[in-house]
Amino acid sequence: MLFNLGAAVKVSDRAEISVGVSNLLDVRYRELESGGQATPGQGRTVYVGWRYRRP
């Protein structure tokens, strides 16, 4: 089971900061399996974003 967590905070009328974590528990899983080969899924990933809207 995968858990993702994210949140965003409005800094002003035009700006917003977002943060999050994908695969919070760092679970090992197979994303793709074909022909006897398996591609591992993405591990824990932390991201930060900034959004600004022009007037």
Protein backbone atom coordinates (compact mmCIF):
# COMPACT_ATOMS: atom_id res chain seq x y z
CA MET A 1 0.00 0.00 0.00
CA LEU A 2 1.35 3.45 -0.93
CA PHE A 3 0.80 6.60 1.09
CA ASN A 4 1.23 10.08 -0.37
CA LEU A 5 0.93 13.30 1.60
CA GLY A 6 0.77 16.88 0.36
CA ALA A 7 -0.28 20.35 1.41
CA ALA A 8 -0.33 23.89 0.04
CA VAL A 9 -0.29 27.25 1.78
CA LYS A 10 -1.48 30.48 0.19
CA VAL A 11 1.20 33.11 0.86
CA SER A 12 -0.64 36.00 -0.82
CA ASP A 13 -3.45 36.55 -3.34
CA ARG A 14 -1.10 35.44 -6.13
CA ALA A 15 1.44 33.10 -4.50
CA GLU A 16 1.23 29.58 -3.09
CA ILE A 17 3.81 27.16 -1.67
CA SER A 18 3.22 23.42 -1.81
CA VAL A 19 5.11 20.53 -0.19
CA GLY A 20 4.59 16.81 -0.26
CA VAL A 21 5.95 13.30 0.03
CA SER A 22 5.22 10.44 -2.35
CA ASN A 23 5.61 6.86 -1.09
CA LEU A 24 5.82 8.10 2.49
CA LEU A 25 6.68 4.67 3.95
CA ASP A 26 9.29 3.95 1.23
CA VAL A 27 7.53 0.71 0.23
CA ARG A 28 9.35 -1.44 -2.37
CA TYR A 29 6.98 -2.41 -5.18
CA ARG A 30 7.08 -3.51 -8.82
CA GLU A 31 5.86 -0.81 -11.15
CA LEU A 32 6.10 -2.89 -14.31
CA GLU A 33 6.69 -6.58 -14.93
CA SER A 34 7.15 -7.94 -18.44
CA GLY A 35 9.03 -10.86 -19.97
CA GLY A 36 10.43 -12.00 -16.64
CA GLN A 37 11.90 -8.59 -15.85
CA ALA A 38 10.57 -6.19 -13.21
CA THR A 39 10.98 -2.43 -13.02
CA PRO A 40 11.07 -1.17 -9.43
CA GLY A 41 8.69 1.60 -8.43
CA GLN A 42 9.83 5.00 -7.28
CA GLY A 43 11.11 5.23 -3.71
CA ARG A 44 10.25 7.99 -1.24
CA THR A 45 10.21 11.37 -2.97
CA VAL A 46 9.95 14.79 -1.33
CA TYR A 47 8.89 17.80 -3.40
CA VAL A 48 8.44 21.53 -2.90
CA GLY A 49 6.66 23.85 -5.32
CA TRP A 50 6.03 27.53 -5.77
CA ARG A 51 3.14 28.90 -7.83
CA TYR A 52 2.78 32.56 -8.75
CA ARG A 53 -0.04 33.98 -10.81
CA ARG A 54 0.60 37.16 -12.76
CA PRO A 55 -1.82 40.05 -12.29
